[in-house]
Amino acid sequence: LHSHNADCLYYIIGGGLRLGREDLKAG
């Protein structure tokens, strides 16, 4: 668990991840 002092936009180019209750994939 961490934070940054900047707004961050993430774009998944391969594989996937779980963010909270959401499963996200490439695209």
PDB file of all heavy atoms in Angstrom:
ATOM      1  N   LEU A   1       0.867  -1.157   0.000  1.00  0.00           N
ATOM      2  CA  LEU A   1       0.000   0.000   0.000  1.00  0.00           C
ATOM      3  C   LEU A   1       0.915   1.221   0.000  1.00  0.00           C
ATOM      4  O   LEU A   1       1.845   1.300   0.816  1.00  0.00           O
ATOM      5  CB  LEU A   1      -0.890  -0.002   1.244  1.00  0.00           C
ATOM      6  CG  LEU A   1      -1.891   1.142   1.356  1.00  0.00           C
ATOM      7  CD1 LEU A   1      -2.967   1.005   0.280  1.00  0.00           C
ATOM      8  CD2 LEU A   1      -2.522   1.135   2.742  1.00  0.00           C
ATOM      9  N   HIS A   2       0.688   2.146  -0.928  1.00  0.00           N
ATOM     10  CA  HIS A   2       1.559   3.304  -1.060  1.00  0.00           C
ATOM     11  C   HIS A   2       0.801   4.445  -1.731  1.00  0.00           C
ATOM     12  O   HIS A   2      -0.335   4.270  -2.177  1.00  0.00           O
ATOM     13  CB  HIS A   2       2.824   2.952  -1.860  1.00  0.00           C
ATOM     14  CG  HIS A   2       2.557   2.637  -3.291  1.00  0.00           C
ATOM     15  ND1 HIS A   2       2.026   1.431  -3.710  1.00  0.00           N
ATOM     16  CD2 HIS A   2       2.737   3.367  -4.413  1.00  0.00           C
ATOM     17  CE1 HIS A   2       1.894   1.433  -5.022  1.00  0.00           C
ATOM     18  NE2 HIS A   2       2.316   2.607  -5.480  1.00  0.00           N
ATOM     19  N   SER A   3       1.444   5.601  -1.792  1.00  0.00           N
ATOM     20  CA  SER A   3       0.863   6.738  -2.502  1.00  0.00           C
ATOM     21  C   SER A   3       1.984   7.521  -3.174  1.00  0.00           C
ATOM     22  O   SER A   3       3.166   7.322  -2.886  1.00  0.00           O
ATOM     23  CB  SER A   3       0.080   7.643  -1.540  1.00  0.00           C
ATOM     24  OG  SER A   3       0.948   8.232  -0.591  1.00  0.00           O
ATOM     25  N   HIS A   4       1.582   8.411  -4.069  1.00  0.00           N
ATOM     26  CA  HIS A   4       2.502   9.315  -4.765  1.00  0.00           C
ATOM     27  C   HIS A   4       1.955  10.733  -4.639  1.00  0.00           C
ATOM     28  O   HIS A   4       0.747  10.920  -4.497  1.00  0.00           O
ATOM     29  CB  HIS A   4       2.617   8.957  -6.250  1.00  0.00           C
ATOM     30  CG  HIS A   4       3.041   7.559  -6.503  1.00  0.00           C
ATOM     31  ND1 HIS A   4       4.328   7.125  -6.328  1.00  0.00           N
ATOM     32  CD2 HIS A   4       2.339   6.475  -6.919  1.00  0.00           C
ATOM     33  CE1 HIS A   4       4.415   5.844  -6.636  1.00  0.00           C
ATOM     34  NE2 HIS A   4       3.217   5.420  -6.998  1.00  0.00           N
ATOM     35  N   ASN A   5       2.801  11.727  -4.757  1.00  0.00           N
ATOM     36  CA  ASN A   5       2.356  13.119  -4.701  1.00  0.00           C
ATOM     37  C   ASN A   5       1.976  13.635  -6.091  1.00  0.00           C
ATOM     38  O   ASN A   5       2.050  14.821  -6.361  1.00  0.00           O
ATOM     39  CB  ASN A   5       3.434  14.008  -4.079  1.00  0.00           C
ATOM     40  CG  ASN A   5       4.716  14.032  -4.885  1.00  0.00           C
ATOM     41  OD1 ASN A   5       4.939  13.198  -5.755  1.00  0.00           O
ATOM     42  ND2 ASN A   5       5.580  14.978  -4.586  1.00  0.00           N
ATOM     43  N   ALA A   6       1.553  12.736  -6.942  1.00  0.00           N
ATOM     44  CA  ALA A   6       1.134  13.090  -8.307  1.00  0.00           C
ATOM     45  C   ALA A   6      -0.079  12.252  -8.684  1.00  0.00           C
ATOM     46  O   ALA A   6      -0.234  11.126  -8.209  1.00  0.00           O
ATOM     47  CB  ALA A   6       2.271  12.819  -9.287  1.00  0.00           C
ATOM     48  N   ASP A   7      -0.937  12.814  -9.541  1.00  0.00           N
ATOM     49  CA  ASP A   7      -2.014  12.011 -10.127  1.00  0.00           C
ATOM     50  C   ASP A   7      -1.374  10.970 -11.021  1.00  0.00           C
ATOM     51  O   ASP A   7      -0.388  11.253 -11.716  1.00  0.00           O
ATOM     52  CB  ASP A   7      -2.940  12.892 -10.968  1.00  0.00           C
ATOM     53  CG  ASP A   7      -3.730  13.895 -10.150  1.00  0.00           C
ATOM     54  OD1 ASP A   7      -3.937  13.665  -8.944  1.00  0.00           O
ATOM     55  OD2 ASP A   7      -4.150  14.916 -10.739  1.00  0.00           O
ATOM     56  N   CYS A   8      -1.930   9.755 -11.031  1.00  0.00           N
ATOM     57  CA  CYS A   8      -1.361   8.660 -11.823  1.00  0.00           C
ATOM     58  C   CYS A   8      -2.441   8.021 -12.699  1.00  0.00           C
ATOM     59  O   CYS A   8      -3.497   7.631 -12.207  1.00  0.00           O
ATOM     60  CB  CYS A   8      -0.785   7.580 -10.922  1.00  0.00           C
ATOM     61  SG  CYS A   8       0.456   8.157  -9.758  1.00  0.00           S
ATOM     62  N   LEU A   9      -2.141   7.906 -13.978  1.00  0.00           N
ATOM     63  CA  LEU A   9      -3.001   7.200 -14.921  1.00  0.00           C
ATOM     64  C   LEU A   9      -2.242   5.961 -15.360  1.00  0.00           C
ATOM     65  O   LEU A   9      -1.084   6.056 -15.789  1.00  0.00           O
ATOM     66  CB  LEU A   9      -3.319   8.076 -16.134  1.00  0.00           C
ATOM     67  CG  LEU A   9      -4.131   7.410 -17.239  1.00  0.00           C
ATOM     68  CD1 LEU A   9      -5.525   7.051 -16.737  1.00  0.00           C
ATOM     69  CD2 LEU A   9      -4.215   8.333 -18.449  1.00  0.00           C
ATOM     70  N   TYR A  10      -2.870   4.798 -15.237  1.00  0.00           N
ATOM     71  CA  TYR A  10      -2.230   3.524 -15.563  1.00  0.00           C
ATOM     72  C   TYR A  10      -2.932   2.893 -16.764  1.00  0.00           C
ATOM     73  O   TYR A  10      -4.165   2.854 -16.812  1.00  0.00           O
ATOM     74  CB  TYR A  10      -2.325   2.566 -14.375  1.00  0.00           C
ATOM     75  CG  TYR A  10      -1.571   3.056 -13.170  1.00  0.00           C
ATOM     76  CD1 TYR A  10      -2.152   3.947 -12.283  1.00  0.00           C
ATOM     77  CD2 TYR A  10      -0.270   2.637 -12.930  1.00  0.00           C
ATOM     78  CE1 TYR A  10      -1.455   4.413 -11.179  1.00  0.00           C
ATOM     79  CE2 TYR A  10       0.433   3.089 -11.828  1.00  0.00           C
ATOM     80  CZ  TYR A  10      -0.172   3.979 -10.966  1.00  0.00           C
ATOM     81  OH  TYR A  10       0.519   4.434  -9.877  1.00  0.00           O
ATOM     82  N   TYR A  11      -2.138   2.379 -17.694  1.00  0.00           N
ATOM     83  CA  TYR A  11      -2.669   1.671 -18.863  1.00  0.00           C
ATOM     84  C   TYR A  11      -1.996   0.304 -18.919  1.00  0.00           C
ATOM     85  O   TYR A  11      -0.760   0.214 -18.989  1.00  0.00           O
ATOM     86  CB  TYR A  11      -2.397   2.454 -20.150  1.00  0.00           C
ATOM     87  CG  TYR A  11      -2.914   1.749 -21.374  1.00  0.00           C
ATOM     88  CD1 TYR A  11      -4.285   1.689 -21.630  1.00  0.00           C
ATOM     89  CD2 TYR A  11      -2.045   1.125 -22.253  1.00  0.00           C
ATOM     90  CE1 TYR A  11      -4.768   1.023 -22.756  1.00  0.00           C
ATOM     91  CE2 TYR A  11      -2.524   0.460 -23.380  1.00  0.00           C
ATOM     92  CZ  TYR A  11      -3.888   0.407 -23.628  1.00  0.00           C
ATOM     93  OH  TYR A  11      -4.355  -0.248 -24.722  1.00  0.00           O
ATOM     94  N   ILE A  12      -2.792  -0.749 -18.870  1.00  0.00           N
ATOM     95  CA  ILE A  12      -2.265  -2.118 -18.840  1.00  0.00           C
ATOM     96  C   ILE A  12      -1.962  -2.570 -20.263  1.00  0.00           C
ATOM     97  O   ILE A  12      -2.843  -2.580 -21.130  1.00  0.00           O
ATOM     98  CB  ILE A  12      -3.262  -3.068 -18.165  1.00  0.00           C
ATOM     99  CG1 ILE A  12      -3.535  -2.602 -16.728  1.00  0.00           C
ATOM    100  CG2 ILE A  12      -2.742  -4.510 -18.190  1.00  0.00           C
ATOM    101  CD1 ILE A  12      -4.667  -3.329 -16.039  1.00  0.00           C
ATOM    102  N   ILE A  13      -0.702  -2.955 -20.508  1.00  0.00           N
ATOM    103  CA  ILE A  13      -0.300  -3.396 -21.848  1.00  0.00           C
ATOM    104  C   ILE A  13      -0.120  -4.907 -21.947  1.00  0.00           C
ATOM    105  O   ILE A  13       0.001  -5.439 -23.038  1.00  0.00           O
ATOM    106  CB  ILE A  13       0.980  -2.672 -22.322  1.00  0.00           C
ATOM    107  CG1 ILE A  13       2.141  -2.883 -21.351  1.00  0.00           C
ATOM    108  CG2 ILE A  13       0.707  -1.199 -22.521  1.00  0.00           C
ATOM    109  CD1 ILE A  13       3.456  -2.262 -21.807  1.00  0.00           C
ATOM    110  N   GLY A  14      -0.135  -5.601 -20.808  1.00  0.00           N
ATOM    111  CA  GLY A  14      -0.027  -7.057 -20.831  1.00  0.00           C
ATOM    112  C   GLY A  14      -0.402  -7.639 -19.484  1.00  0.00           C
ATOM    113  O   GLY A  14      -0.212  -7.017 -18.442  1.00  0.00           O
ATOM    114  N   GLY A  15      -0.990  -8.834 -19.508  1.00  0.00           N
ATOM    115  CA  GLY A  15      -1.368  -9.492 -18.264  1.00  0.00           C
ATOM    116  C   GLY A  15      -2.584  -8.842 -17.642  1.00  0.00           C
ATOM    117  O   GLY A  15      -3.463  -8.341 -18.331  1.00  0.00           O
ATOM    118  N   GLY A  16      -2.606  -8.851 -16.323  1.00  0.00           N
ATOM    119  CA  GLY A  16      -3.749  -8.278 -15.628  1.00  0.00           C
ATOM    120  C   GLY A  16      -3.454  -8.086 -14.156  1.00  0.00           C
ATOM    121  O   GLY A  16      -2.392  -8.473 -13.653  1.00  0.00           O
ATOM    122  N   LEU A  17      -4.432  -7.492 -13.469  1.00  0.00           N
ATOM    123  CA  LEU A  17      -4.277  -7.228 -12.045  1.00  0.00           C
ATOM    124  C   LEU A  17      -5.633  -7.136 -11.387  1.00  0.00           C
ATOM    125  O   LEU A  17      -6.662  -7.007 -12.052  1.00  0.00           O
ATOM    126  CB  LEU A  17      -3.478  -5.928 -11.822  1.00  0.00           C
ATOM    127  CG  LEU A  17      -4.030  -4.626 -12.406  1.00  0.00           C
ATOM    128  CD1 LEU A  17      -5.090  -3.979 -11.508  1.00  0.00           C
ATOM    129  CD2 LEU A  17      -2.894  -3.643 -12.610  1.00  0.00           C
ATOM    130  N   ARG A  18      -5.615  -7.219 -10.065  1.00  0.00           N
ATOM    131  CA  ARG A  18      -6.825  -7.008  -9.269  1.00  0.00           C
ATOM    132  C   ARG A  18      -6.639  -5.710  -8.508  1.00  0.00           C
ATOM    133  O   ARG A  18      -5.667  -5.531  -7.777  1.00  0.00           O
ATOM    134  CB  ARG A  18      -7.064  -8.150  -8.310  1.00  0.00           C
ATOM    135  CG  ARG A  18      -8.274  -7.884  -7.396  1.00  0.00           C
ATOM    136  CD  ARG A  18      -8.754  -9.147  -6.746  1.00  0.00           C
ATOM    137  NE  ARG A  18      -9.653  -9.831  -7.650  1.00  0.00           N
ATOM    138  CZ  ARG A  18     -10.984  -9.860  -7.504  1.00  0.00           C
ATOM    139  NH1 ARG A  18     -11.545  -9.245  -6.512  1.00  0.00           N
ATOM    140  NH2 ARG A  18     -11.734 -10.513  -8.359  1.00  0.00           N
ATOM    141  N   LEU A  19      -7.577  -4.795  -8.686  1.00  0.00           N
ATOM    142  CA  LEU A  19      -7.596  -3.501  -8.009  1.00  0.00           C
ATOM    143  C   LEU A  19      -8.903  -3.437  -7.235  1.00  0.00           C
ATOM    144  O   LEU A  19      -9.977  -3.349  -7.844  1.00  0.00           O
ATOM    145  CB  LEU A  19      -7.511  -2.364  -9.031  1.00  0.00           C
ATOM    146  CG  LEU A  19      -7.597  -0.943  -8.494  1.00  0.00           C
ATOM    147  CD1 LEU A  19      -6.366  -0.612  -7.641  1.00  0.00           C
ATOM    148  CD2 LEU A  19      -7.701   0.045  -9.650  1.00  0.00           C
ATOM    149  N   GLY A  20      -8.827  -3.552  -5.920  1.00  0.00           N
ATOM    150  CA  GLY A  20     -10.051  -3.633  -5.121  1.00  0.00           C
ATOM    151  C   GLY A  20     -10.803  -4.899  -5.480  1.00  0.00           C
ATOM    152  O   GLY A  20     -10.260  -5.993  -5.404  1.00  0.00           O
ATOM    153  N   ARG A  21     -12.023  -4.743  -5.962  1.00  0.00           N
ATOM    154  CA  ARG A  21     -12.836  -5.903  -6.372  1.00  0.00           C
ATOM    155  C   ARG A  21     -12.861  -6.094  -7.882  1.00  0.00           C
ATOM    156  O   ARG A  21     -13.579  -6.942  -8.398  1.00  0.00           O
ATOM    157  CB  ARG A  21     -14.265  -5.726  -5.873  1.00  0.00           C
ATOM    158  CG  ARG A  21     -14.370  -5.775  -4.381  1.00  0.00           C
ATOM    159  CD  ARG A  21     -15.819  -5.698  -3.957  1.00  0.00           C
ATOM    160  NE  ARG A  21     -15.876  -4.966  -2.705  1.00  0.00           N
ATOM    161  CZ  ARG A  21     -16.860  -4.214  -2.310  1.00  0.00           C
ATOM    162  NH1 ARG A  21     -17.911  -4.067  -3.061  1.00  0.00           N
ATOM    163  NH2 ARG A  21     -16.807  -3.597  -1.159  1.00  0.00           N
ATOM    164  N   GLU A  22     -12.090  -5.282  -8.590  1.00  0.00           N
ATOM    165  CA  GLU A  22     -12.089  -5.315 -10.054  1.00  0.00           C
ATOM    166  C   GLU A  22     -10.891  -6.084 -10.606  1.00  0.00           C
ATOM    167  O   GLU A  22      -9.765  -5.898 -10.150  1.00  0.00           O
ATOM    168  CB  GLU A  22     -12.034  -3.887 -10.606  1.00  0.00           C
ATOM    169  CG  GLU A  22     -13.198  -3.021 -10.210  1.00  0.00           C
ATOM    170  CD  GLU A  22     -14.497  -3.436 -10.868  1.00  0.00           C
ATOM    171  OE1 GLU A  22     -14.462  -3.865 -12.040  1.00  0.00           O
ATOM    172  OE2 GLU A  22     -15.543  -3.335 -10.213  1.00  0.00           O
ATOM    173  N   ASP A  23     -11.156  -6.927 -11.588  1.00  0.00           N
ATOM    174  CA  ASP A  23     -10.098  -7.588 -12.342  1.00  0.00           C
ATOM    175  C   ASP A  23      -9.918  -6.815 -13.636  1.00  0.00           C
ATOM    176  O   ASP A  23     -10.868  -6.671 -14.415  1.00  0.00           O
ATOM    177  CB  ASP A  23     -10.458  -9.045 -12.639  1.00  0.00           C
ATOM    178  CG  ASP A  23     -10.438  -9.902 -11.382  1.00  0.00           C
ATOM    179  OD1 ASP A  23      -9.482  -9.754 -10.592  1.00  0.00           O
ATOM    180  OD2 ASP A  23     -11.362 -10.712 -11.190  1.00  0.00           O
ATOM    181  N   LEU A  24      -8.705  -6.307 -13.856  1.00  0.00           N
ATOM    182  CA  LEU A  24      -8.403  -5.526 -15.052  1.00  0.00           C
ATOM    183  C   LEU A  24      -7.413  -6.288 -15.913  1.00  0.00           C
ATOM    184  O   LEU A  24      -6.590  -7.052 -15.397  1.00  0.00           O
ATOM    185  CB  LEU A  24      -7.831  -4.164 -14.655  1.00  0.00           C
ATOM    186  CG  LEU A  24      -8.701  -3.328 -13.713  1.00  0.00           C
ATOM    187  CD1 LEU A  24      -7.978  -2.051 -13.311  1.00  0.00           C
ATOM    188  CD2 LEU A  24     -10.033  -3.010 -14.355  1.00  0.00           C
ATOM    189  N   LYS A  25      -7.470  -6.073 -17.232  1.00  0.00           N
ATOM    190  CA  LYS A  25      -6.623  -6.807 -18.173  1.00  0.00           C
ATOM    191  C   LYS A  25      -6.027  -5.845 -19.195  1.00  0.00           C
ATOM    192  O   LYS A  25      -6.319  -4.647 -19.178  1.00  0.00           O
ATOM    193  CB  LYS A  25      -7.438  -7.892 -18.859  1.00  0.00           C
ATOM    194  CG  LYS A  25      -8.576  -7.340 -19.693  1.00  0.00           C
ATOM    195  CD  LYS A  25      -9.447  -8.443 -20.236  1.00  0.00           C
ATOM    196  CE  LYS A  25     -10.582  -7.944 -21.084  1.00  0.00           C
ATOM    197  NZ  LYS A  25     -11.222  -6.705 -20.770  1.00  0.00           N
ATOM    198  N   ALA A  26      -5.210  -6.387 -20.090  1.00  0.00           N
ATOM    199  CA  ALA A  26      -4.598  -5.573 -21.145  1.00  0.00           C
ATOM    200  C   ALA A  26      -5.670  -4.762 -21.869  1.00  0.00           C
ATOM    201  O   ALA A  26      -6.728  -5.282 -22.214  1.00  0.00           O
ATOM    202  CB  ALA A  26      -3.849  -6.461 -22.130  1.00  0.00           C
ATOM    203  N   GLY A  27      -5.376  -3.473 -22.044  1.00  0.00           N
ATOM    204  CA  GLY A  27      -6.310  -2.559 -22.682  1.00  0.00           C
ATOM    205  C   GLY A  27      -7.129  -1.750 -21.692  1.00  0.00           C
ATOM    206  O   GLY A  27      -7.757  -0.760 -22.062  1.00  0.00           O
TER     207      GLY A  27
END
